[in-house]
Amino acid sequence: MNLNNMRNVKMPNAGPAGALAKLVVIGGLGLYGAVNSLYNVEGGHRAIVFNRIVGVKDKVREGELKWVSCFVLSIGLIVKFGFVRFGLSPVGVFIIVPGFGDRLQVYPEGTHFMIPWFDRPVIYDVRARPNIVESTSGSRDLQMVRITLRVLTRPMADRLPTIYRTLGQDYAERVLPSIVQETLKAVVAQYNASQLITQREVVSREIRRILQERATSFNIALDDVSITNLTFGREFTAAIEAKQVAAQDAERAKFVVEKAEQDKRSAIIRAQGEAKSAQLIGEAISNNPAFITLRKIEASREIANTISTSQNRVFLSADSLLLNLQDMGVEEISLKQPQAKK
């Protein structure tokens, strides 16, 4: 039976039930196509399309979609002669027209069309994500060092089809631990334990340079590398602490010595000052006996001031408080002084 004979086949008239069946089938196909032919790509994401027949292609051209036309034609014939009667053009145009011409390799943000059942979108997050990797390596002086590295990575958007074919969607878990471990061991072995502390920025730049070269070969972009933690073995840590304690003790001893020197100098200066003061006082007393009387007057003034401001009432002898100035012979001394000069 050829197609011409098939066109002349008369289907029994189903009446209202047949019309209702037509509407249900057409509406179901339309709803299925509307719901399953669109997908969204959120901000910061990119998408590639996996096809059940050809897989992930960089670009799909018109010739590669001929099998879609044949399939739709077969579906149209079955529907026309088996269930309902409607033309092939609406179904064919609805599915095939969006596929004509070149399709993009990577789909940007927004809403895009796909062929239901045949196409499946694979969405990647192309924003930078932090990855924490820990490694225990040996330094050049054979000290064990535990390093925690924070790496910011993202997939190269234009290489997503290759990443999907070779690594899948969990590319970071597959690649980063191995290349970071290898890079850390290679770089740490070039430095002493003390250099890892004093030249931390240099070590970080060297690790970043090597990691960028390794990650690029896997189509992964490296935005930043930072050493978040650096821990040494117990023996080395104890040695560093002992060294710090010894340095602090040395500084403390140095301070004690300097303080003793300063105390010695201040004692000498104080003794010299007291000797000079005693000499001057002796000369003043020998030259003028009234100097002692002047000191007594000053002491009496201080004692009187203290007693006057005190709340307690005390009656004491003026002789014991040096307040009896009449017996000091101030006038006699002042009179004798000019005579001595004469």
C-alpha atoms as a PDB file:
ATOM      1  CA  MET A   1       0.000   0.000   0.000  1.00  0.00           C
ATOM      2  CA  ASN A   2       1.492   3.299  -1.062  1.00  0.00           C
ATOM      3  CA  LEU A   3       0.803   6.747   0.293  1.00  0.00           C
ATOM      4  CA  ASN A   4      -1.794   7.509  -2.363  1.00  0.00           C
ATOM      5  CA  ASN A   5      -3.866   4.508  -1.298  1.00  0.00           C
ATOM      6  CA  MET A   6      -3.399   5.470   2.340  1.00  0.00           C
ATOM      7  CA  ARG A   7      -4.836   8.886   1.628  1.00  0.00           C
ATOM      8  CA  ASN A   8      -7.989   7.278   0.175  1.00  0.00           C
ATOM      9  CA  VAL A   9      -8.586   5.177   3.276  1.00  0.00           C
ATOM     10  CA  LYS A  10     -11.786   6.328   4.922  1.00  0.00           C
ATOM     11  CA  MET A  11     -11.858   6.351   8.675  1.00  0.00           C
ATOM     12  CA  PRO A  12     -15.166   5.702  10.421  1.00  0.00           C
ATOM     13  CA  ASN A  13     -16.893   8.822  11.695  1.00  0.00           C
ATOM     14  CA  ALA A  14     -16.623   8.878  15.459  1.00  0.00           C
ATOM     15  CA  GLY A  15     -19.077  11.739  15.957  1.00  0.00           C
ATOM     16  CA  PRO A  16     -18.779  14.070  18.975  1.00  0.00           C
ATOM     17  CA  ALA A  17     -16.549  11.620  20.803  1.00  0.00           C
ATOM     18  CA  GLY A  18     -14.055  11.670  17.946  1.00  0.00           C
ATOM     19  CA  ALA A  19     -13.996  15.461  17.845  1.00  0.00           C
ATOM     20  CA  LEU A  20     -13.418  15.552  21.574  1.00  0.00           C
ATOM     21  CA  ALA A  21     -10.590  13.042  21.202  1.00  0.00           C
ATOM     22  CA  LYS A  22      -9.028  15.243  18.521  1.00  0.00           C
ATOM     23  CA  LEU A  23      -9.140  18.259  20.806  1.00  0.00           C
ATOM     24  CA  VAL A  24      -7.661  16.306  23.708  1.00  0.00           C
ATOM     25  CA  VAL A  25      -4.780  14.936  21.627  1.00  0.00           C
ATOM     26  CA  ILE A  26      -4.010  18.261  19.989  1.00  0.00           C
ATOM     27  CA  GLY A  27      -4.230  20.095  23.306  1.00  0.00           C
ATOM     28  CA  GLY A  28      -2.042  17.504  25.034  1.00  0.00           C
ATOM     29  CA  LEU A  29       0.629  17.731  22.345  1.00  0.00           C
ATOM     30  CA  GLY A  30       0.556  21.511  22.470  1.00  0.00           C
ATOM     31  CA  LEU A  31       0.766  21.597  26.265  1.00  0.00           C
ATOM     32  CA  TYR A  32       3.593  19.056  26.304  1.00  0.00           C
ATOM     33  CA  GLY A  33       5.526  21.046  23.727  1.00  0.00           C
ATOM     34  CA  ALA A  34       4.960  24.349  25.535  1.00  0.00           C
ATOM     35  CA  VAL A  35       6.013  23.026  28.932  1.00  0.00           C
ATOM     36  CA  ASN A  36       9.006  20.946  27.856  1.00  0.00           C
ATOM     37  CA  SER A  37      10.451  23.060  25.053  1.00  0.00           C
ATOM     38  CA  LEU A  38      11.636  26.019  27.185  1.00  0.00           C
ATOM     39  CA  TYR A  39      14.240  26.270  29.937  1.00  0.00           C
ATOM     40  CA  ASN A  40      15.775  29.134  31.917  1.00  0.00           C
ATOM     41  CA  VAL A  41      19.412  29.965  32.624  1.00  0.00           C
ATOM     42  CA  GLU A  42      19.776  31.978  35.836  1.00  0.00           C
ATOM     43  CA  GLY A  43      22.226  34.817  36.431  1.00  0.00           C
ATOM     44  CA  GLY A  44      25.845  33.727  36.799  1.00  0.00           C
ATOM     45  CA  HIS A  45      25.156  30.447  34.962  1.00  0.00           C
ATOM     46  CA  ARG A  46      25.678  29.061  31.462  1.00  0.00           C
ATOM     47  CA  ALA A  47      24.049  26.083  29.751  1.00  0.00           C
ATOM     48  CA  ILE A  48      24.909  23.485  27.135  1.00  0.00           C
ATOM     49  CA  VAL A  49      22.443  21.107  25.479  1.00  0.00           C
ATOM     50  CA  PHE A  50      22.861  17.337  25.437  1.00  0.00           C
ATOM     51  CA  ASN A  51      21.071  15.597  22.559  1.00  0.00           C
ATOM     52  CA  ARG A  52      20.003  11.969  22.861  1.00  0.00           C
ATOM     53  CA  ILE A  53      21.227  11.165  19.335  1.00  0.00           C
ATOM     54  CA  VAL A  54      24.334  13.287  18.697  1.00  0.00           C
ATOM     55  CA  GLY A  55      25.356  14.084  22.279  1.00  0.00           C
ATOM     56  CA  VAL A  56      26.969  17.420  23.100  1.00  0.00           C
ATOM     57  CA  LYS A  57      27.925  19.254  19.912  1.00  0.00           C
ATOM     58  CA  ASP A  58      29.787  22.505  19.627  1.00  0.00           C
ATOM     59  CA  LYS A  59      27.347  23.628  16.918  1.00  0.00           C
ATOM     60  CA  VAL A  60      24.369  21.810  15.421  1.00  0.00           C
ATOM     61  CA  ARG A  61      23.644  22.584  11.785  1.00  0.00           C
ATOM     62  CA  GLU A  62      20.563  22.096   9.636  1.00  0.00           C
ATOM     63  CA  GLY A  63      21.810  18.865   8.061  1.00  0.00           C
ATOM     64  CA  GLU A  64      22.241  17.242  11.453  1.00  0.00           C
ATOM     65  CA  LEU A  65      18.528  17.686  12.193  1.00  0.00           C
ATOM     66  CA  LYS A  66      17.209  15.634   9.244  1.00  0.00           C
ATOM     67  CA  TRP A  67      16.522  12.738  11.567  1.00  0.00           C
ATOM     68  CA  VAL A  68      14.189  15.025  13.507  1.00  0.00           C
ATOM     69  CA  SER A  69      12.197  15.723  10.346  1.00  0.00           C
ATOM     70  CA  CYS A  70      11.905  12.002   9.583  1.00  0.00           C
ATOM     71  CA  PHE A  71      10.772  11.251  13.107  1.00  0.00           C
ATOM     72  CA  VAL A  72       8.178  14.022  13.083  1.00  0.00           C
ATOM     73  CA  LEU A  73       6.942  12.833   9.670  1.00  0.00           C
ATOM     74  CA  SER A  74       6.480   9.319  11.051  1.00  0.00           C
ATOM     75  CA  ILE A  75       4.626  10.625  14.089  1.00  0.00           C
ATOM     76  CA  GLY A  76       2.423  12.724  11.826  1.00  0.00           C
ATOM     77  CA  LEU A  77       1.511   9.719   9.662  1.00  0.00           C
ATOM     78  CA  ILE A  78       0.671   7.578  12.681  1.00  0.00           C
ATOM     79  CA  VAL A  79      -1.443  10.283  14.226  1.00  0.00           C
ATOM     80  CA  LYS A  80      -3.209  11.021  10.938  1.00  0.00           C
ATOM     81  CA  PHE A  81      -4.177   7.495  10.073  1.00  0.00           C
ATOM     82  CA  GLY A  82      -4.314   5.939  13.513  1.00  0.00           C
ATOM     83  CA  PHE A  83      -5.947   8.463  15.790  1.00  0.00           C
ATOM     84  CA  VAL A  84      -6.801  11.890  14.484  1.00  0.00           C
ATOM     85  CA  ARG A  85      -6.544  13.772  11.265  1.00  0.00           C
ATOM     86  CA  PHE A  86      -4.465  16.901  11.142  1.00  0.00           C
ATOM     87  CA  GLY A  87      -1.783  18.196   8.836  1.00  0.00           C
ATOM     88  CA  LEU A  88       1.915  17.513   9.201  1.00  0.00           C
ATOM     89  CA  SER A  89       2.961  21.116   8.797  1.00  0.00           C
ATOM     90  CA  PRO A  90       1.971  22.418  12.243  1.00  0.00           C
ATOM     91  CA  VAL A  91       3.751  19.609  14.050  1.00  0.00           C
ATOM     92  CA  GLY A  92       6.795  19.722  11.789  1.00  0.00           C
ATOM     93  CA  VAL A  93       7.138  23.477  11.906  1.00  0.00           C
ATOM     94  CA  PHE A  94       6.672  23.570  15.692  1.00  0.00           C
ATOM     95  CA  ILE A  95       9.581  21.215  16.319  1.00  0.00           C
ATOM     96  CA  ILE A  96      11.972  21.700  13.419  1.00  0.00           C
ATOM     97  CA  VAL A  97      12.020  25.429  12.709  1.00  0.00           C
ATOM     98  CA  PRO A  98      13.852  26.464  15.901  1.00  0.00           C
ATOM     99  CA  GLY A  99      16.574  23.952  15.123  1.00  0.00           C
ATOM    100  CA  PHE A 100      17.432  25.211  11.642  1.00  0.00           C
ATOM    101  CA  GLY A 101      20.760  26.941  11.261  1.00  0.00           C
ATOM    102  CA  ASP A 102      23.579  27.049  13.791  1.00  0.00           C
ATOM    103  CA  ARG A 103      22.769  26.538  17.446  1.00  0.00           C
ATOM    104  CA  LEU A 104      24.949  28.152  20.060  1.00  0.00           C
ATOM    105  CA  GLN A 105      27.722  26.207  21.753  1.00  0.00           C
ATOM    106  CA  VAL A 106      27.063  27.754  25.199  1.00  0.00           C
ATOM    107  CA  TYR A 107      23.764  29.403  26.076  1.00  0.00           C
ATOM    108  CA  PRO A 108      23.857  32.629  28.119  1.00  0.00           C
ATOM    109  CA  GLU A 109      21.430  33.820  30.778  1.00  0.00           C
ATOM    110  CA  GLY A 110      17.760  33.926  29.840  1.00  0.00           C
ATOM    111  CA  THR A 111      15.053  31.649  28.404  1.00  0.00           C
ATOM    112  CA  HIS A 112      15.951  29.272  25.551  1.00  0.00           C
ATOM    113  CA  PHE A 113      14.215  26.717  23.347  1.00  0.00           C
ATOM    114  CA  MET A 114      14.934  22.992  23.151  1.00  0.00           C
ATOM    115  CA  ILE A 115      13.404  19.993  21.423  1.00  0.00           C
ATOM    116  CA  PRO A 116      11.369  18.064  23.999  1.00  0.00           C
ATOM    117  CA  TRP A 117      12.635  14.611  24.942  1.00  0.00           C
ATOM    118  CA  PHE A 118      15.567  14.840  22.507  1.00  0.00           C
ATOM    119  CA  ASP A 119      17.398  17.729  24.188  1.00  0.00           C
ATOM    120  CA  ARG A 120      18.409  18.049  27.830  1.00  0.00           C
ATOM    121  CA  PRO A 121      20.013  21.263  29.156  1.00  0.00           C
ATOM    122  CA  VAL A 122      23.075  20.996  31.397  1.00  0.00           C
ATOM    123  CA  ILE A 123      23.516  24.156  33.473  1.00  0.00           C
ATOM    124  CA  TYR A 124      26.878  25.216  34.959  1.00  0.00           C
ATOM    125  CA  ASP A 125      27.591  27.822  37.615  1.00  0.00           C
ATOM    126  CA  VAL A 126      30.351  29.994  36.127  1.00  0.00           C
ATOM    127  CA  ARG A 127      30.852  32.154  39.231  1.00  0.00           C
ATOM    128  CA  ALA A 128      34.025  31.816  41.278  1.00  0.00           C
ATOM    129  CA  ARG A 129      33.678  29.287  44.098  1.00  0.00           C
ATOM    130  CA  PRO A 130      36.067  28.699  47.028  1.00  0.00           C
ATOM    131  CA  ASN A 131      37.678  25.296  47.441  1.00  0.00           C
ATOM    132  CA  ILE A 132      39.567  24.351  50.629  1.00  0.00           C
ATOM    133  CA  VAL A 133      42.388  21.829  50.199  1.00  0.00           C
ATOM    134  CA  GLU A 134      44.714  20.563  52.957  1.00  0.00           C
ATOM    135  CA  SER A 135      48.096  18.964  52.391  1.00  0.00           C
ATOM    136  CA  THR A 136      50.962  17.665  54.531  1.00  0.00           C
ATOM    137  CA  SER A 137      54.340  18.184  52.877  1.00  0.00           C
ATOM    138  CA  GLY A 138      58.016  18.106  53.782  1.00  0.00           C
ATOM    139  CA  SER A 139      60.178  21.226  53.660  1.00  0.00           C
ATOM    140  CA  ARG A 140      63.756  21.394  52.431  1.00  0.00           C
ATOM    141  CA  ASP A 141      65.080  20.913  55.985  1.00  0.00           C
ATOM    142  CA  LEU A 142      62.855  17.814  56.384  1.00  0.00           C
ATOM    143  CA  GLN A 143      60.231  19.462  58.587  1.00  0.00           C
ATOM    144  CA  MET A 144      56.640  18.287  58.145  1.00  0.00           C
ATOM    145  CA  VAL A 145      54.321  21.173  57.287  1.00  0.00           C
ATOM    146  CA  ARG A 146      50.535  21.078  57.154  1.00  0.00           C
ATOM    147  CA  ILE A 147      49.156  23.700  54.755  1.00  0.00           C
ATOM    148  CA  THR A 148      45.538  24.709  54.196  1.00  0.00           C
ATOM    149  CA  LEU A 149      44.979  26.352  50.815  1.00  0.00           C
ATOM    150  CA  ARG A 150      41.921  28.337  49.700  1.00  0.00           C
ATOM    151  CA  VAL A 151      41.489  28.352  45.920  1.00  0.00           C
ATOM    152  CA  LEU A 152      38.907  30.388  43.978  1.00  0.00           C
ATOM    153  CA  THR A 153      38.039  28.592  40.726  1.00  0.00           C
ATOM    154  CA  ARG A 154      35.436  28.767  37.972  1.00  0.00           C
ATOM    155  CA  PRO A 155      34.928  26.893  34.702  1.00  0.00           C
ATOM    156  CA  MET A 156      35.858  28.593  31.440  1.00  0.00           C
ATOM    157  CA  ALA A 157      32.473  29.433  29.949  1.00  0.00           C
ATOM    158  CA  ASP A 158      33.504  28.902  26.326  1.00  0.00           C
ATOM    159  CA  ARG A 159      34.907  25.450  27.142  1.00  0.00           C
ATOM    160  CA  LEU A 160      31.879  24.002  28.919  1.00  0.00           C
ATOM    161  CA  PRO A 161      31.178  21.304  26.262  1.00  0.00           C
ATOM    162  CA  THR A 162      34.728  19.984  26.635  1.00  0.00           C
ATOM    163  CA  ILE A 163      34.470  20.089  30.429  1.00  0.00           C
ATOM    164  CA  TYR A 164      31.207  18.135  30.285  1.00  0.00           C
ATOM    165  CA  ARG A 165      32.686  15.472  27.998  1.00  0.00           C
ATOM    166  CA  THR A 166      35.920  14.993  29.933  1.00  0.00           C
ATOM    167  CA  LEU A 167      35.124  15.846  33.563  1.00  0.00           C
ATOM    168  CA  GLY A 168      31.364  16.165  33.984  1.00  0.00           C
ATOM    169  CA  GLN A 169      29.628  18.562  36.317  1.00  0.00           C
ATOM    170  CA  ASP A 170      31.769  17.708  39.377  1.00  0.00           C
ATOM    171  CA  TYR A 171      34.943  18.908  37.652  1.00  0.00           C
ATOM    172  CA  ALA A 172      36.305  20.659  40.775  1.00  0.00           C
ATOM    173  CA  GLU A 173      36.174  17.512  42.920  1.00  0.00           C
ATOM    174  CA  ARG A 174      37.846  15.502  40.174  1.00  0.00           C
ATOM    175  CA  VAL A 175      40.732  17.863  39.390  1.00  0.00           C
ATOM    176  CA  LEU A 176      41.557  20.292  42.216  1.00  0.00           C
ATOM    177  CA  PRO A 177      42.596  17.906  45.031  1.00  0.00           C
ATOM    178  CA  SER A 178      45.180  16.120  42.893  1.00  0.00           C
ATOM    179  CA  ILE A 179      46.796  19.155  41.248  1.00  0.00           C
ATOM    180  CA  VAL A 180      46.804  21.166  44.502  1.00  0.00           C
ATOM    181  CA  GLN A 181      48.435  18.317  46.422  1.00  0.00           C
ATOM    182  CA  GLU A 182      51.116  17.884  43.763  1.00  0.00           C
ATOM    183  CA  THR A 183      51.800  21.620  43.517  1.00  0.00           C
ATOM    184  CA  LEU A 184      52.059  22.103  47.285  1.00  0.00           C
ATOM    185  CA  LYS A 185      54.511  19.245  47.695  1.00  0.00           C
ATOM    186  CA  ALA A 186      56.682  20.562  44.844  1.00  0.00           C
ATOM    187  CA  VAL A 187      56.765  24.164  46.116  1.00  0.00           C
ATOM    188  CA  VAL A 188      57.147  23.467  49.850  1.00  0.00           C
ATOM    189  CA  ALA A 189      60.139  21.200  49.172  1.00  0.00           C
ATOM    190  CA  GLN A 190      62.040  24.249  47.821  1.00  0.00           C
ATOM    191  CA  TYR A 191      61.922  26.241  51.092  1.00  0.00           C
ATOM    192  CA  ASN A 192      63.072  25.785  54.666  1.00  0.00           C
ATOM    193  CA  ALA A 193      60.518  25.817  57.455  1.00  0.00           C
ATOM    194  CA  SER A 194      61.601  29.289  58.557  1.00  0.00           C
ATOM    195  CA  GLN A 195      61.357  30.597  54.985  1.00  0.00           C
ATOM    196  CA  LEU A 196      57.778  29.368  54.733  1.00  0.00           C
ATOM    197  CA  ILE A 197      56.966  31.775  57.564  1.00  0.00           C
ATOM    198  CA  THR A 198      59.073  34.773  56.589  1.00  0.00           C
ATOM    199  CA  GLN A 199      58.461  34.456  52.817  1.00  0.00           C
ATOM    200  CA  ARG A 200      54.819  33.450  52.931  1.00  0.00           C
ATOM    201  CA  GLU A 201      53.761  35.852  50.161  1.00  0.00           C
ATOM    202  CA  VAL A 202      56.484  34.574  47.823  1.00  0.00           C
ATOM    203  CA  VAL A 203      55.426  30.979  48.451  1.00  0.00           C
ATOM    204  CA  SER A 204      51.780  31.871  47.776  1.00  0.00           C
ATOM    205  CA  ARG A 205      52.642  33.529  44.451  1.00  0.00           C
ATOM    206  CA  GLU A 206      54.698  30.521  43.352  1.00  0.00           C
ATOM    207  CA  ILE A 207      51.856  28.136  44.206  1.00  0.00           C
ATOM    208  CA  ARG A 208      49.392  30.319  42.297  1.00  0.00           C
ATOM    209  CA  ARG A 209      51.578  30.467  39.185  1.00  0.00           C
ATOM    210  CA  ILE A 210      51.957  26.692  38.981  1.00  0.00           C
ATOM    211  CA  LEU A 211      48.300  26.021  39.778  1.00  0.00           C
ATOM    212  CA  GLN A 212      47.135  28.407  37.057  1.00  0.00           C
ATOM    213  CA  GLU A 213      49.183  26.536  34.472  1.00  0.00           C
ATOM    214  CA  ARG A 214      47.841  23.169  35.631  1.00  0.00           C
ATOM    215  CA  ALA A 215      44.213  24.297  35.913  1.00  0.00           C
ATOM    216  CA  THR A 216      44.225  25.884  32.449  1.00  0.00           C
ATOM    217  CA  SER A 217      44.979  22.500  30.894  1.00  0.00           C
ATOM    218  CA  PHE A 218      41.687  21.275  32.418  1.00  0.00           C
ATOM    219  CA  ASN A 219      39.755  24.369  31.184  1.00  0.00           C
ATOM    220  CA  ILE A 220      39.446  25.739  34.729  1.00  0.00           C
ATOM    221  CA  ALA A 221      40.164  29.400  35.530  1.00  0.00           C
ATOM    222  CA  LEU A 222      41.980  30.214  38.777  1.00  0.00           C
ATOM    223  CA  ASP A 223      41.110  33.613  40.288  1.00  0.00           C
ATOM    224  CA  ASP A 224      42.922  33.570  43.635  1.00  0.00           C
ATOM    225  CA  VAL A 225      45.111  31.394  45.861  1.00  0.00           C
ATOM    226  CA  SER A 226      45.778  32.090  49.542  1.00  0.00           C
ATOM    227  CA  ILE A 227      47.430  30.165  52.379  1.00  0.00           C
ATOM    228  CA  THR A 228      44.921  30.213  55.240  1.00  0.00           C
ATOM    229  CA  ASN A 229      46.768  27.988  57.713  1.00  0.00           C
ATOM    230  CA  LEU A 230      50.372  26.885  58.196  1.00  0.00           C
ATOM    231  CA  THR A 231      51.109  24.313  60.917  1.00  0.00           C
ATOM    232  CA  PHE A 232      54.411  22.600  61.732  1.00  0.00           C
ATOM    233  CA  GLY A 233      55.206  19.396  63.620  1.00  0.00           C
ATOM    234  CA  ARG A 234      55.309  19.227  67.409  1.00  0.00           C
ATOM    235  CA  GLU A 235      59.099  19.049  67.612  1.00  0.00           C
ATOM    236  CA  PHE A 236      59.588  22.079  65.395  1.00  0.00           C
ATOM    237  CA  THR A 237      56.889  24.017  67.239  1.00  0.00           C
ATOM    238  CA  ALA A 238      58.530  23.182  70.588  1.00  0.00           C
ATOM    239  CA  ALA A 239      61.920  24.296  69.244  1.00  0.00           C
ATOM    240  CA  ILE A 240      60.454  27.599  68.068  1.00  0.00           C
ATOM    241  CA  GLU A 241      58.809  28.163  71.448  1.00  0.00           C
ATOM    242  CA  ALA A 242      62.076  27.394  73.267  1.00  0.00           C
ATOM    243  CA  LYS A 243      63.909  29.802  70.989  1.00  0.00           C
ATOM    244  CA  GLN A 244      61.355  32.505  71.694  1.00  0.00           C
ATOM    245  CA  VAL A 245      61.634  31.897  75.442  1.00  0.00           C
ATOM    246  CA  ALA A 246      65.443  32.113  75.268  1.00  0.00           C
ATOM    247  CA  ALA A 247      65.222  35.336  73.292  1.00  0.00           C
ATOM    248  CA  GLN A 248      62.818  36.803  75.848  1.00  0.00           C
ATOM    249  CA  ASP A 249      65.108  35.759  78.717  1.00  0.00           C
ATOM    250  CA  ALA A 250      68.061  37.392  76.982  1.00  0.00           C
ATOM    251  CA  GLU A 251      66.095  40.589  76.526  1.00  0.00           C
ATOM    252  CA  ARG A 252      65.030  40.473  80.170  1.00  0.00           C
ATOM    253  CA  ALA A 253      68.649  39.975  81.339  1.00  0.00           C
ATOM    254  CA  LYS A 254      69.752  42.838  79.128  1.00  0.00           C
ATOM    255  CA  PHE A 255      67.098  45.037  80.692  1.00  0.00           C
ATOM    256  CA  VAL A 256      68.210  44.039  84.209  1.00  0.00           C
ATOM    257  CA  VAL A 257      71.839  44.913  83.393  1.00  0.00           C
ATOM    258  CA  GLU A 258      70.860  48.265  81.941  1.00  0.00           C
ATOM    259  CA  LYS A 259      68.678  48.976  84.970  1.00  0.00           C
ATOM    260  CA  ALA A 260      71.574  48.141  87.321  1.00  0.00           C
ATOM    261  CA  GLU A 261      73.844  50.483  85.379  1.00  0.00           C
ATOM    262  CA  GLN A 262      71.293  53.248  85.637  1.00  0.00           C
ATOM    263  CA  ASP A 263      70.843  52.619  89.371  1.00  0.00           C
ATOM    264  CA  LYS A 264      74.612  52.745  89.845  1.00  0.00           C
ATOM    265  CA  ARG A 265      74.896  56.014  87.995  1.00  0.00           C
ATOM    266  CA  SER A 266      71.984  57.524  89.902  1.00  0.00           C
ATOM    267  CA  ALA A 267      73.514  56.410  93.250  1.00  0.00           C
ATOM    268  CA  ILE A 268      76.835  58.020  92.334  1.00  0.00           C
ATOM    269  CA  ILE A 269      75.143  61.203  91.290  1.00  0.00           C
ATOM    270  CA  ARG A 270      73.028  61.187  94.471  1.00  0.00           C
ATOM    271  CA  ALA A 271      76.125  60.640  96.660  1.00  0.00           C
ATOM    272  CA  GLN A 272      77.996  63.397  94.900  1.00  0.00           C
ATOM    273  CA  GLY A 273      75.034  65.694  95.394  1.00  0.00           C
ATOM    274  CA  GLU A 274      74.784  64.855  99.091  1.00  0.00           C
ATOM    275  CA  ALA A 275      78.520  65.348  99.583  1.00  0.00           C
ATOM    276  CA  LYS A 276      78.392  68.667  97.816  1.00  0.00           C
ATOM    277  CA  SER A 277      75.365  69.641  99.879  1.00  0.00           C
ATOM    278  CA  ALA A 278      77.114  68.670 103.139  1.00  0.00           C
ATOM    279  CA  GLN A 279      80.168  70.632 102.099  1.00  0.00           C
ATOM    280  CA  LEU A 280      78.125  73.702 101.345  1.00  0.00           C
ATOM    281  CA  ILE A 281      76.201  73.365 104.613  1.00  0.00           C
ATOM    282  CA  GLY A 282      79.438  73.003 106.590  1.00  0.00           C
ATOM    283  CA  GLU A 283      80.904  76.066 104.918  1.00  0.00           C
ATOM    284  CA  ALA A 284      77.732  78.021 105.603  1.00  0.00           C
ATOM    285  CA  ILE A 285      77.730  77.018 109.277  1.00  0.00           C
ATOM    286  CA  SER A 286      81.395  77.857 109.729  1.00  0.00           C
ATOM    287  CA  ASN A 287      81.029  81.184 108.017  1.00  0.00           C
ATOM    288  CA  ASN A 288      77.685  82.154 109.579  1.00  0.00           C
ATOM    289  CA  PRO A 289      76.275  80.376 112.688  1.00  0.00           C
ATOM    290  CA  ALA A 290      72.906  81.988 111.994  1.00  0.00           C
ATOM    291  CA  PHE A 291      72.381  79.350 109.246  1.00  0.00           C
ATOM    292  CA  ILE A 292      71.399  76.783 111.919  1.00  0.00           C
ATOM    293  CA  THR A 293      68.998  79.248 113.466  1.00  0.00           C
ATOM    294  CA  LEU A 294      67.418  79.825 110.028  1.00  0.00           C
ATOM    295  CA  ARG A 295      66.866  76.094 109.599  1.00  0.00           C
ATOM    296  CA  LYS A 296      65.290  75.915 113.072  1.00  0.00           C
ATOM    297  CA  ILE A 297      62.917  78.722 112.111  1.00  0.00           C
ATOM    298  CA  GLU A 298      61.882  76.912 108.927  1.00  0.00           C
ATOM    299  CA  ALA A 299      61.286  73.660 110.847  1.00  0.00           C
ATOM    300  CA  SER A 300      59.261  75.523 113.481  1.00  0.00           C
ATOM    301  CA  ARG A 301      57.113  77.085 110.769  1.00  0.00           C
ATOM    302  CA  GLU A 302      56.285  73.664 109.264  1.00  0.00           C
ATOM    303  CA  ILE A 303      55.447  72.198 112.701  1.00  0.00           C
ATOM    304  CA  ALA A 304      53.208  75.142 113.550  1.00  0.00           C
ATOM    305  CA  ASN A 305      51.403  74.864 110.206  1.00  0.00           C
ATOM    306  CA  THR A 306      50.775  71.130 110.759  1.00  0.00           C
ATOM    307  CA  ILE A 307      49.394  71.653 114.261  1.00  0.00           C
ATOM    308  CA  SER A 308      47.153  74.530 113.167  1.00  0.00           C
ATOM    309  CA  THR A 309      45.496  72.503 110.408  1.00  0.00           C
ATOM    310  CA  SER A 310      44.985  69.422 112.594  1.00  0.00           C
ATOM    311  CA  GLN A 311      41.509  68.751 114.051  1.00  0.00           C
ATOM    312  CA  ASN A 312      42.948  67.514 117.350  1.00  0.00           C
ATOM    313  CA  ARG A 313      43.848  70.009 120.065  1.00  0.00           C
ATOM    314  CA  VAL A 314      47.303  69.259 121.437  1.00  0.00           C
ATOM    315  CA  PHE A 315      49.218  71.210 124.047  1.00  0.00           C
ATOM    316  CA  LEU A 316      52.946  70.623 123.843  1.00  0.00           C
ATOM    317  CA  SER A 317      56.009  72.355 125.102  1.00  0.00           C
ATOM    318  CA  ALA A 318      57.376  75.013 122.814  1.00  0.00           C
ATOM    319  CA  ASP A 319      60.911  73.834 123.522  1.00  0.00           C
ATOM    320  CA  SER A 320      60.246  70.398 122.054  1.00  0.00           C
ATOM    321  CA  LEU A 321      58.588  71.910 118.990  1.00  0.00           C
ATOM    322  CA  LEU A 322      61.376  74.406 118.393  1.00  0.00           C
ATOM    323  CA  LEU A 323      58.903  77.243 118.827  1.00  0.00           C
ATOM    324  CA  ASN A 324      60.738  79.099 121.624  1.00  0.00           C
ATOM    325  CA  LEU A 325      62.731  81.473 119.477  1.00  0.00           C
ATOM    326  CA  GLN A 326      63.575  83.782 122.369  1.00  0.00           C
ATOM    327  CA  ASP A 327      66.185  81.385 123.707  1.00  0.00           C
ATOM    328  CA  MET A 328      67.933  80.980 120.393  1.00  0.00           C
ATOM    329  CA  GLY A 329      69.905  84.185 120.750  1.00  0.00           C
ATOM    330  CA  VAL A 330      69.113  85.388 117.285  1.00  0.00           C
ATOM    331  CA  GLU A 331      69.736  88.993 118.202  1.00  0.00           C
ATOM    332  CA  GLU A 332      73.039  88.183 119.871  1.00  0.00           C
ATOM    333  CA  ILE A 333      74.204  86.280 116.829  1.00  0.00           C
ATOM    334  CA  SER A 334      73.174  89.084 114.521  1.00  0.00           C
ATOM    335  CA  LEU A 335      74.995  91.588 116.705  1.00  0.00           C
ATOM    336  CA  LYS A 336      78.111  89.519 117.033  1.00  0.00           C
ATOM    337  CA  GLN A 337      78.381  89.045 113.303  1.00  0.00           C
ATOM    338  CA  PRO A 338      79.277  92.661 112.448  1.00  0.00           C
ATOM    339  CA  GLN A 339      81.767  92.764 115.320  1.00  0.00           C
ATOM    340  CA  ALA A 340      83.467  89.644 114.021  1.00  0.00           C
ATOM    341  CA  LYS A 341      83.817  91.268 110.654  1.00  0.00           C
ATOM    342  CA  LYS A 342      85.373  94.343 112.214  1.00  0.00           C
END
